Amino acid sequence: MTLKPILIHPDPRLKKACDPVSTFDKELAALTDDMLETMYDAPGIGLAAPQIGVMNRLIVMDCVKEEGGTPEPMALVNPKVVWESEEQNVYEEGCLSIPGQYGEVERPKMVRVTWQDVTGAEKEQEFDALWATCVQHEIDHLDGKLFIDYLKPMRRQMITRKMQKYKRELARE
């Protein structure tokens, strides 16, 4: 497994819609393993393929955060929300592509998602609470949408300026 560099906003690839995955092979399985390793190392609870520069509809996530909890890594290929609850939840979201920045985002409390696993098998599951927020956040990445797009324009611009400055500082190192 290989740690992948995570793209930092603003990067044009983070604003592009991704292509569906059509080939289910060893390379796809290896990519999901690399993405999970990268996500855990960051550390984060979700990672979308475009965040590592791969423009395919693939996400990984694991929302088990309790100390000593059993990890529940998931890889969702071509995920799609097929139902969402009317009830909403607000979570303070962050993003591995926008390090150190957070904002409250309102999303459906529960969603039902269909996807394929790395072998191409069809899956469907309902997600609730943090898992629902995470899967929606990651699917947004596949459509070129970031959590800051839900924030007020001034806050979004402030975060974008901070990220531009952060990228300049990284480039000098």
N, C-alpha and C. Protein backbone atom coordinates (compact mmCIF):
# COMPACT_ATOMS: atom_id res chain seq x y z
N MET A 1 0.83 -1.19 0.00
CA MET A 1 0.00 0.00 0.00
C MET A 1 0.87 1.25 0.00
N THR A 2 0.32 2.30 -0.61
CA THR A 2 1.07 3.53 -0.79
C THR A 2 0.26 4.72 -0.32
N LEU A 3 0.88 5.57 0.50
CA LEU A 3 0.23 6.82 0.87
C LEU A 3 0.22 7.74 -0.35
N LYS A 4 -0.91 8.37 -0.59
CA LYS A 4 -1.06 9.28 -1.73
C LYS A 4 -1.09 10.72 -1.23
N PRO A 5 -0.49 11.64 -1.97
CA PRO A 5 -0.61 13.05 -1.59
C PRO A 5 -2.04 13.53 -1.79
N ILE A 6 -2.53 14.31 -0.83
CA ILE A 6 -3.89 14.84 -0.87
C ILE A 6 -3.87 16.25 -1.45
N LEU A 7 -4.70 16.48 -2.47
CA LEU A 7 -4.80 17.81 -3.08
C LEU A 7 -5.37 18.80 -2.08
N ILE A 8 -4.85 20.02 -2.12
CA ILE A 8 -5.31 21.08 -1.23
C ILE A 8 -6.09 22.11 -2.05
N HIS A 9 -7.26 22.51 -1.53
CA HIS A 9 -8.07 23.56 -2.14
C HIS A 9 -7.30 24.87 -2.10
N PRO A 10 -7.34 25.74 -3.10
CA PRO A 10 -8.05 25.54 -4.35
C PRO A 10 -7.20 24.77 -5.36
N ASP A 11 -7.77 23.74 -5.92
CA ASP A 11 -7.17 22.96 -7.00
C ASP A 11 -8.31 22.67 -7.97
N PRO A 12 -8.13 22.96 -9.25
CA PRO A 12 -9.24 22.81 -10.19
C PRO A 12 -9.82 21.38 -10.24
N ARG A 13 -9.02 20.39 -9.94
CA ARG A 13 -9.51 19.00 -9.97
C ARG A 13 -10.57 18.76 -8.90
N LEU A 14 -10.52 19.51 -7.81
CA LEU A 14 -11.51 19.35 -6.74
C LEU A 14 -12.88 19.91 -7.12
N LYS A 15 -12.95 20.67 -8.20
CA LYS A 15 -14.21 21.29 -8.62
C LYS A 15 -14.80 20.60 -9.86
N LYS A 16 -14.23 19.48 -10.27
CA LYS A 16 -14.71 18.78 -11.46
C LYS A 16 -15.53 17.55 -11.10
N ALA A 17 -16.55 17.27 -11.90
CA ALA A 17 -17.33 16.04 -11.73
C ALA A 17 -16.48 14.85 -12.21
N CYS A 18 -16.64 13.72 -11.54
CA CYS A 18 -15.83 12.54 -11.83
C CYS A 18 -16.56 11.57 -12.76
N ASP A 19 -15.78 10.73 -13.42
CA ASP A 19 -16.30 9.72 -14.33
C ASP A 19 -16.65 8.44 -13.56
N PRO A 20 -17.69 7.74 -14.00
CA PRO A 20 -18.02 6.46 -13.36
C PRO A 20 -16.87 5.45 -13.55
N VAL A 21 -16.74 4.56 -12.58
CA VAL A 21 -15.76 3.47 -12.69
C VAL A 21 -16.42 2.36 -13.51
N SER A 22 -15.70 1.85 -14.50
CA SER A 22 -16.26 0.78 -15.33
C SER A 22 -15.41 -0.48 -15.30
N THR A 23 -14.17 -0.38 -14.80
CA THR A 23 -13.28 -1.53 -14.74
C THR A 23 -13.05 -1.92 -13.29
N PHE A 24 -13.44 -3.14 -12.95
CA PHE A 24 -13.29 -3.65 -11.59
C PHE A 24 -12.18 -4.70 -11.61
N ASP A 25 -10.98 -4.28 -11.19
CA ASP A 25 -9.82 -5.16 -11.31
C ASP A 25 -8.90 -4.99 -10.10
N LYS A 26 -7.72 -5.59 -10.18
CA LYS A 26 -6.75 -5.51 -9.07
C LYS A 26 -6.29 -4.07 -8.83
N GLU A 27 -6.19 -3.29 -9.92
CA GLU A 27 -5.77 -1.89 -9.77
C GLU A 27 -6.78 -1.10 -8.94
N LEU A 28 -8.07 -1.35 -9.17
CA LEU A 28 -9.11 -0.67 -8.40
C LEU A 28 -9.03 -1.08 -6.92
N ALA A 29 -8.86 -2.37 -6.67
CA ALA A 29 -8.74 -2.85 -5.29
C ALA A 29 -7.51 -2.24 -4.62
N ALA A 30 -6.40 -2.16 -5.35
CA ALA A 30 -5.17 -1.57 -4.80
C ALA A 30 -5.37 -0.08 -4.52
N LEU A 31 -6.08 0.62 -5.43
CA LEU A 31 -6.35 2.04 -5.22
C LEU A 31 -7.18 2.25 -3.96
N THR A 32 -8.20 1.43 -3.75
CA THR A 32 -9.02 1.60 -2.54
C THR A 32 -8.18 1.34 -1.29
N ASP A 33 -7.29 0.35 -1.32
CA ASP A 33 -6.39 0.11 -0.19
C ASP A 33 -5.51 1.32 0.08
N ASP A 34 -4.95 1.90 -1.00
CA ASP A 34 -4.11 3.10 -0.86
C ASP A 34 -4.91 4.26 -0.29
N MET A 35 -6.15 4.41 -0.75
CA MET A 35 -6.98 5.50 -0.26
C MET A 35 -7.32 5.32 1.21
N LEU A 36 -7.62 4.10 1.63
CA LEU A 36 -7.90 3.86 3.05
C LEU A 36 -6.67 4.16 3.90
N GLU A 37 -5.51 3.70 3.44
CA GLU A 37 -4.28 3.96 4.19
C GLU A 37 -4.02 5.47 4.29
N THR A 38 -4.23 6.18 3.19
CA THR A 38 -4.03 7.64 3.16
C THR A 38 -5.01 8.33 4.11
N MET A 39 -6.28 7.88 4.09
CA MET A 39 -7.31 8.47 4.95
C MET A 39 -6.97 8.26 6.43
N TYR A 40 -6.60 7.02 6.79
CA TYR A 40 -6.27 6.74 8.20
C TYR A 40 -5.03 7.52 8.63
N ASP A 41 -4.05 7.66 7.74
CA ASP A 41 -2.81 8.34 8.06
C ASP A 41 -3.04 9.84 8.27
N ALA A 42 -4.02 10.43 7.58
CA ALA A 42 -4.19 11.89 7.53
C ALA A 42 -4.36 12.59 8.89
N PRO A 43 -5.15 12.19 9.85
CA PRO A 43 -6.20 11.17 9.84
C PRO A 43 -7.54 11.79 9.47
N GLY A 44 -8.39 10.98 8.85
CA GLY A 44 -9.72 11.42 8.48
C GLY A 44 -10.70 10.27 8.55
N ILE A 45 -11.98 10.58 8.26
CA ILE A 45 -13.01 9.53 8.27
C ILE A 45 -13.55 9.26 6.87
N GLY A 46 -13.09 10.03 5.88
CA GLY A 46 -13.53 9.81 4.51
C GLY A 46 -12.54 10.41 3.54
N LEU A 47 -12.51 9.84 2.33
CA LEU A 47 -11.62 10.35 1.28
C LEU A 47 -12.23 9.98 -0.06
N ALA A 48 -12.28 10.94 -0.96
CA ALA A 48 -12.79 10.71 -2.31
C ALA A 48 -11.62 10.69 -3.29
N ALA A 49 -11.76 9.88 -4.34
CA ALA A 49 -10.68 9.72 -5.32
C ALA A 49 -10.17 11.05 -5.89
N PRO A 50 -11.04 12.04 -6.20
CA PRO A 50 -10.49 13.29 -6.73
C PRO A 50 -9.56 14.02 -5.76
N GLN A 51 -9.67 13.72 -4.47
CA GLN A 51 -8.77 14.36 -3.50
C GLN A 51 -7.33 13.88 -3.64
N ILE A 52 -7.14 12.77 -4.34
CA ILE A 52 -5.77 12.31 -4.63
C ILE A 52 -5.50 12.39 -6.13
N GLY A 53 -6.33 13.17 -6.84
CA GLY A 53 -6.10 13.41 -8.26
C GLY A 53 -6.62 12.34 -9.19
N VAL A 54 -7.41 11.40 -8.68
CA VAL A 54 -8.01 10.34 -9.51
C VAL A 54 -9.45 10.74 -9.78
N MET A 55 -9.78 10.99 -11.03
CA MET A 55 -11.08 11.56 -11.36
C MET A 55 -12.13 10.48 -11.66
N ASN A 56 -12.28 9.57 -10.71
CA ASN A 56 -13.27 8.50 -10.80
C ASN A 56 -14.20 8.54 -9.60
N ARG A 57 -15.40 7.97 -9.77
CA ARG A 57 -16.43 7.97 -8.73
C ARG A 57 -16.15 6.86 -7.73
N LEU A 58 -15.26 7.16 -6.79
CA LEU A 58 -14.82 6.20 -5.77
C LEU A 58 -14.58 6.95 -4.47
N ILE A 59 -15.15 6.42 -3.37
CA ILE A 59 -14.91 7.00 -2.05
C ILE A 59 -14.58 5.88 -1.07
N VAL A 60 -13.87 6.26 -0.02
CA VAL A 60 -13.65 5.35 1.10
C VAL A 60 -14.04 6.10 2.37
N MET A 61 -14.46 5.34 3.38
CA MET A 61 -14.81 5.99 4.65
C MET A 61 -14.79 4.98 5.78
N ASP A 62 -14.63 5.50 6.98
CA ASP A 62 -14.70 4.72 8.21
C ASP A 62 -14.97 5.72 9.33
N CYS A 63 -16.21 5.72 9.81
CA CYS A 63 -16.62 6.72 10.82
C CYS A 63 -16.48 6.20 12.25
N VAL A 64 -15.84 5.06 12.45
CA VAL A 64 -15.60 4.56 13.81
C VAL A 64 -14.44 5.37 14.38
N LYS A 65 -14.75 6.20 15.38
CA LYS A 65 -13.73 7.09 15.94
C LYS A 65 -13.40 6.77 17.39
N GLU A 66 -14.23 5.93 18.05
CA GLU A 66 -14.00 5.66 19.47
C GLU A 66 -12.66 4.94 19.66
N GLU A 67 -12.00 5.30 20.73
CA GLU A 67 -10.75 4.64 21.11
C GLU A 67 -11.04 3.16 21.33
N GLY A 68 -10.31 2.30 20.66
CA GLY A 68 -10.49 0.86 20.82
C GLY A 68 -11.65 0.30 20.00
N GLY A 69 -12.35 1.16 19.24
CA GLY A 69 -13.45 0.70 18.39
C GLY A 69 -12.92 -0.12 17.23
N THR A 70 -13.73 -1.04 16.74
CA THR A 70 -13.32 -1.87 15.61
C THR A 70 -13.53 -1.09 14.31
N PRO A 71 -12.46 -0.90 13.52
CA PRO A 71 -12.60 -0.16 12.27
C PRO A 71 -13.63 -0.81 11.35
N GLU A 72 -14.33 0.02 10.61
CA GLU A 72 -15.32 -0.45 9.63
C GLU A 72 -15.03 0.22 8.28
N PRO A 73 -13.89 -0.11 7.66
CA PRO A 73 -13.55 0.53 6.39
C PRO A 73 -14.53 0.13 5.29
N MET A 74 -14.92 1.12 4.50
CA MET A 74 -15.83 0.89 3.38
C MET A 74 -15.25 1.54 2.14
N ALA A 75 -15.41 0.87 1.01
CA ALA A 75 -15.06 1.43 -0.30
C ALA A 75 -16.33 1.40 -1.15
N LEU A 76 -16.75 2.56 -1.62
CA LEU A 76 -17.98 2.68 -2.40
C LEU A 76 -17.63 3.16 -3.80
N VAL A 77 -17.93 2.32 -4.79
CA VAL A 77 -17.65 2.64 -6.18
C VAL A 77 -18.97 3.08 -6.83
N ASN A 78 -18.93 4.19 -7.53
CA ASN A 78 -20.12 4.76 -8.19
C ASN A 78 -21.29 4.94 -7.21
N PRO A 79 -21.04 5.55 -6.03
CA PRO A 79 -22.12 5.70 -5.05
C PRO A 79 -23.15 6.73 -5.50
N LYS A 80 -24.39 6.50 -5.06
CA LYS A 80 -25.49 7.39 -5.43
C LYS A 80 -26.51 7.39 -4.30
N VAL A 81 -26.90 8.58 -3.86
CA VAL A 81 -27.96 8.71 -2.85
C VAL A 81 -29.29 8.49 -3.57
N VAL A 82 -30.06 7.49 -3.10
CA VAL A 82 -31.35 7.17 -3.74
C VAL A 82 -32.54 7.57 -2.86
N TRP A 83 -32.27 7.94 -1.60
CA TRP A 83 -33.32 8.41 -0.70
C TRP A 83 -32.66 9.22 0.40
N GLU A 84 -33.36 10.26 0.84
CA GLU A 84 -32.87 11.04 1.98
C GLU A 84 -34.05 11.40 2.88
N SER A 85 -33.77 11.46 4.18
CA SER A 85 -34.82 11.80 5.15
C SER A 85 -35.14 13.28 5.08
N GLU A 86 -36.35 13.61 5.50
CA GLU A 86 -36.70 15.03 5.61
C GLU A 86 -35.99 15.65 6.81
N GLU A 87 -35.78 14.83 7.86
CA GLU A 87 -35.10 15.33 9.06
C GLU A 87 -33.65 15.66 8.72
N GLN A 88 -33.21 16.80 9.24
CA GLN A 88 -31.85 17.29 8.95
C GLN A 88 -30.96 17.18 10.19
N ASN A 89 -29.67 17.15 9.96
CA ASN A 89 -28.65 17.18 11.01
C ASN A 89 -27.67 18.28 10.65
N VAL A 90 -27.07 18.88 11.65
CA VAL A 90 -25.99 19.84 11.43
C VAL A 90 -24.73 19.28 12.07
N TYR A 91 -23.68 19.17 11.28
CA TYR A 91 -22.38 18.75 11.79
C TYR A 91 -21.35 19.79 11.42
N GLU A 92 -20.36 19.93 12.28
CA GLU A 92 -19.22 20.76 11.94
C GLU A 92 -18.31 19.89 11.07
N GLU A 93 -18.26 20.22 9.78
CA GLU A 93 -17.50 19.41 8.84
C GLU A 93 -16.11 20.01 8.62
N GLY A 94 -15.20 19.12 8.32
CA GLY A 94 -13.86 19.48 7.90
C GLY A 94 -13.55 18.67 6.65
N CYS A 95 -12.36 18.86 6.11
CA CYS A 95 -12.01 18.16 4.88
C CYS A 95 -10.49 18.04 4.80
N LEU A 96 -10.02 16.86 4.39
CA LEU A 96 -8.58 16.65 4.27
C LEU A 96 -7.97 17.56 3.21
N SER A 97 -8.78 18.05 2.27
CA SER A 97 -8.29 18.98 1.24
C SER A 97 -8.38 20.44 1.69
N ILE A 98 -8.94 20.66 2.88
CA ILE A 98 -9.05 22.00 3.45
C ILE A 98 -8.62 21.90 4.92
N PRO A 99 -7.34 21.57 5.15
CA PRO A 99 -6.89 21.26 6.52
C PRO A 99 -7.05 22.43 7.49
N GLY A 100 -7.52 22.08 8.69
CA GLY A 100 -7.62 23.05 9.77
C GLY A 100 -8.82 23.98 9.69
N GLN A 101 -9.69 23.79 8.71
CA GLN A 101 -10.86 24.66 8.53
C GLN A 101 -12.13 23.83 8.71
N TYR A 102 -13.11 24.42 9.37
CA TYR A 102 -14.35 23.70 9.67
C TYR A 102 -15.53 24.64 9.48
N GLY A 103 -16.69 24.04 9.24
CA GLY A 103 -17.91 24.83 9.12
C GLY A 103 -19.12 23.95 9.33
N GLU A 104 -20.17 24.56 9.90
CA GLU A 104 -21.40 23.81 10.13
C GLU A 104 -22.18 23.68 8.84
N VAL A 105 -22.53 22.43 8.51
CA VAL A 105 -23.27 22.12 7.28
C VAL A 105 -24.50 21.31 7.66
N GLU A 106 -25.64 21.71 7.09
CA GLU A 106 -26.89 20.99 7.33
C GLU A 106 -27.12 20.04 6.16
N ARG A 107 -27.40 18.78 6.52
CA ARG A 107 -27.65 17.74 5.52
C ARG A 107 -28.75 16.81 6.05
N PRO A 108 -29.34 15.99 5.16
CA PRO A 108 -30.30 14.99 5.64
C PRO A 108 -29.67 14.09 6.71
N LYS A 109 -30.45 13.80 7.76
CA LYS A 109 -29.97 12.97 8.88
C LYS A 109 -29.73 11.53 8.44
N MET A 110 -30.56 11.04 7.52
CA MET A 110 -30.42 9.66 7.03
C MET A 110 -30.46 9.67 5.50
N VAL A 111 -29.68 8.77 4.91
CA VAL A 111 -29.71 8.58 3.45
C VAL A 111 -29.60 7.10 3.14
N ARG A 112 -30.17 6.71 2.01
CA ARG A 112 -29.96 5.36 1.47
C ARG A 112 -29.09 5.53 0.23
N VAL A 113 -28.04 4.72 0.16
CA VAL A 113 -27.05 4.84 -0.91
C VAL A 113 -26.92 3.50 -1.62
N THR A 114 -26.85 3.56 -2.95
CA THR A 114 -26.50 2.37 -3.73
C THR A 114 -25.08 2.57 -4.25
N TRP A 115 -24.34 1.49 -4.41
CA TRP A 115 -22.98 1.55 -4.93
C TRP A 115 -22.57 0.16 -5.36
N GLN A 116 -21.36 0.07 -5.90
CA GLN A 116 -20.75 -1.21 -6.22
C GLN A 116 -19.51 -1.37 -5.34
N ASP A 117 -19.21 -2.62 -5.01
CA ASP A 117 -17.96 -2.86 -4.29
C ASP A 117 -16.83 -3.01 -5.32
N VAL A 118 -15.62 -3.30 -4.86
CA VAL A 118 -14.47 -3.35 -5.78
C VAL A 118 -14.55 -4.49 -6.78
N THR A 119 -15.47 -5.44 -6.56
CA THR A 119 -15.65 -6.53 -7.53
C THR A 119 -16.76 -6.21 -8.51
N GLY A 120 -17.50 -5.12 -8.29
CA GLY A 120 -18.60 -4.74 -9.17
C GLY A 120 -19.96 -5.15 -8.63
N ALA A 121 -20.00 -5.84 -7.48
CA ALA A 121 -21.27 -6.29 -6.90
C ALA A 121 -22.07 -5.08 -6.42
N GLU A 122 -23.39 -5.13 -6.67
CA GLU A 122 -24.29 -4.05 -6.26
C GLU A 122 -24.55 -4.11 -4.76
N LYS A 123 -24.55 -2.94 -4.11
CA LYS A 123 -24.79 -2.83 -2.67
C LYS A 123 -25.79 -1.71 -2.41
N GLU A 124 -26.46 -1.79 -1.27
CA GLU A 124 -27.36 -0.72 -0.85
C GLU A 124 -27.40 -0.72 0.67
N GLN A 125 -27.39 0.48 1.26
CA GLN A 125 -27.40 0.57 2.72
C GLN A 125 -27.94 1.93 3.12
N GLU A 126 -28.59 1.96 4.29
CA GLU A 126 -28.99 3.24 4.88
C GLU A 126 -27.90 3.67 5.86
N PHE A 127 -27.61 4.96 5.83
CA PHE A 127 -26.64 5.55 6.74
C PHE A 127 -27.34 6.59 7.58
N ASP A 128 -26.89 6.73 8.84
CA ASP A 128 -27.51 7.64 9.78
C ASP A 128 -26.42 8.49 10.44
N ALA A 129 -26.82 9.67 10.92
CA ALA A 129 -25.97 10.52 11.74
C ALA A 129 -24.63 10.81 11.04
N LEU A 130 -23.50 10.59 11.74
CA LEU A 130 -22.18 10.92 11.18
C LEU A 130 -21.90 10.15 9.90
N TRP A 131 -22.29 8.88 9.84
CA TRP A 131 -22.07 8.09 8.61
C TRP A 131 -22.81 8.73 7.44
N ALA A 132 -24.04 9.21 7.67
CA ALA A 132 -24.83 9.85 6.60
C ALA A 132 -24.15 11.14 6.14
N THR A 133 -23.68 11.94 7.10
CA THR A 133 -22.99 13.17 6.76
C THR A 133 -21.73 12.87 5.96
N CYS A 134 -20.96 11.89 6.41
CA CYS A 134 -19.70 11.55 5.74
C CYS A 134 -19.94 11.08 4.31
N VAL A 135 -20.90 10.17 4.11
CA VAL A 135 -21.12 9.65 2.76
C VAL A 135 -21.60 10.77 1.83
N GLN A 136 -22.44 11.67 2.33
CA GLN A 136 -22.90 12.79 1.50
C GLN A 136 -21.75 13.74 1.17
N HIS A 137 -20.90 14.01 2.15
CA HIS A 137 -19.74 14.88 1.96
C HIS A 137 -18.83 14.30 0.88
N GLU A 138 -18.57 12.98 0.96
CA GLU A 138 -17.66 12.35 -0.02
C GLU A 138 -18.28 12.28 -1.41
N ILE A 139 -19.58 11.98 -1.49
CA ILE A 139 -20.25 11.96 -2.80
C ILE A 139 -20.22 13.35 -3.42
N ASP A 140 -20.38 14.40 -2.58
CA ASP A 140 -20.25 15.77 -3.10
C ASP A 140 -18.92 15.96 -3.82
N HIS A 141 -17.83 15.42 -3.26
CA HIS A 141 -16.52 15.53 -3.91
C HIS A 141 -16.57 14.99 -5.33
N LEU A 142 -17.31 13.90 -5.54
CA LEU A 142 -17.38 13.28 -6.86
C LEU A 142 -18.11 14.16 -7.86
N ASP A 143 -18.89 15.12 -7.34
CA ASP A 143 -19.62 16.05 -8.18
C ASP A 143 -18.95 17.43 -8.22
N GLY A 144 -17.74 17.53 -7.68
CA GLY A 144 -17.01 18.79 -7.70
C GLY A 144 -17.49 19.80 -6.68
N LYS A 145 -18.08 19.31 -5.59
CA LYS A 145 -18.61 20.20 -4.56
C LYS A 145 -17.86 19.98 -3.25
N LEU A 146 -17.52 21.08 -2.59
CA LEU A 146 -16.81 21.04 -1.30
C LEU A 146 -17.74 21.51 -0.19
N PHE A 147 -17.43 21.12 1.05
CA PHE A 147 -18.30 21.53 2.16
C PHE A 147 -18.38 23.04 2.28
N ILE A 148 -17.33 23.76 1.89
CA ILE A 148 -17.35 25.22 2.00
C ILE A 148 -18.36 25.84 1.04
N ASP A 149 -18.78 25.09 0.01
CA ASP A 149 -19.80 25.60 -0.91
C ASP A 149 -21.15 25.78 -0.22
N TYR A 150 -21.34 25.16 0.95
CA TYR A 150 -22.56 25.31 1.73
C TYR A 150 -22.50 26.50 2.67
N LEU A 151 -21.32 27.09 2.82
CA LEU A 151 -21.14 28.19 3.77
C LEU A 151 -21.48 29.53 3.10
N LYS A 152 -21.64 30.56 3.93
CA LYS A 152 -21.89 31.89 3.41
C LYS A 152 -20.67 32.35 2.60
N PRO A 153 -20.91 33.18 1.56
CA PRO A 153 -19.81 33.58 0.66
C PRO A 153 -18.59 34.18 1.36
N MET A 154 -18.80 35.04 2.35
CA MET A 154 -17.65 35.66 3.04
C MET A 154 -16.79 34.61 3.74
N ARG A 155 -17.44 33.68 4.42
CA ARG A 155 -16.71 32.62 5.14
C ARG A 155 -15.96 31.74 4.13
N ARG A 156 -16.61 31.41 3.03
CA ARG A 156 -15.99 30.58 1.99
C ARG A 156 -14.75 31.27 1.41
N GLN A 157 -14.87 32.59 1.14
CA GLN A 157 -13.74 33.34 0.60
C GLN A 157 -12.59 33.40 1.60
N MET A 158 -12.93 33.58 2.88
CA MET A 158 -11.89 33.64 3.91
C MET A 158 -11.12 32.32 3.97
N ILE A 159 -11.86 31.20 3.95
CA ILE A 159 -11.21 29.88 4.00
C ILE A 159 -10.35 29.67 2.75
N THR A 160 -10.86 30.06 1.60
CA THR A 160 -10.10 29.90 0.35
C THR A 160 -8.80 30.70 0.41
N ARG A 161 -8.87 31.94 0.93
CA ARG A 161 -7.64 32.75 1.06
C ARG A 161 -6.64 32.08 2.01
N LYS A 162 -7.15 31.52 3.12
CA LYS A 162 -6.26 30.83 4.06
C LYS A 162 -5.58 29.64 3.38
N MET A 163 -6.32 28.92 2.55
CA MET A 163 -5.76 27.75 1.87
C MET A 163 -4.73 28.17 0.81
N GLN A 164 -4.98 29.30 0.14
CA GLN A 164 -4.00 29.80 -0.82
C GLN A 164 -2.69 30.15 -0.12
N LYS A 165 -2.80 30.80 1.04
CA LYS A 165 -1.63 31.16 1.83
C LYS A 165 -0.91 29.89 2.31
N TYR A 166 -1.69 28.91 2.78
CA TYR A 166 -1.13 27.64 3.25
C TYR A 166 -0.36 26.94 2.12
N LYS A 167 -0.92 26.93 0.91
CA LYS A 167 -0.25 26.30 -0.23
C LYS A 167 1.05 27.01 -0.58
N ARG A 168 1.05 28.35 -0.49
CA ARG A 168 2.28 29.13 -0.75
C ARG A 168 3.35 28.76 0.27
N GLU A 169 2.94 28.64 1.54
CA GLU A 169 3.90 28.27 2.59
C GLU A 169 4.45 26.88 2.36
N LEU A 170 3.60 25.94 1.96
CA LEU A 170 4.07 24.58 1.66
C LEU A 170 5.07 24.58 0.51
N ALA A 171 4.82 25.40 -0.49
CA ALA A 171 5.68 25.46 -1.68
C ALA A 171 7.07 25.99 -1.31
N ARG A 172 7.15 26.83 -0.27
CA ARG A 172 8.44 27.39 0.15
C ARG A 172 9.27 26.39 0.96
N GLU A 173 8.62 25.36 1.50
CA GLU A 173 9.36 24.42 2.37
C GLU A 173 10.28 23.52 1.57
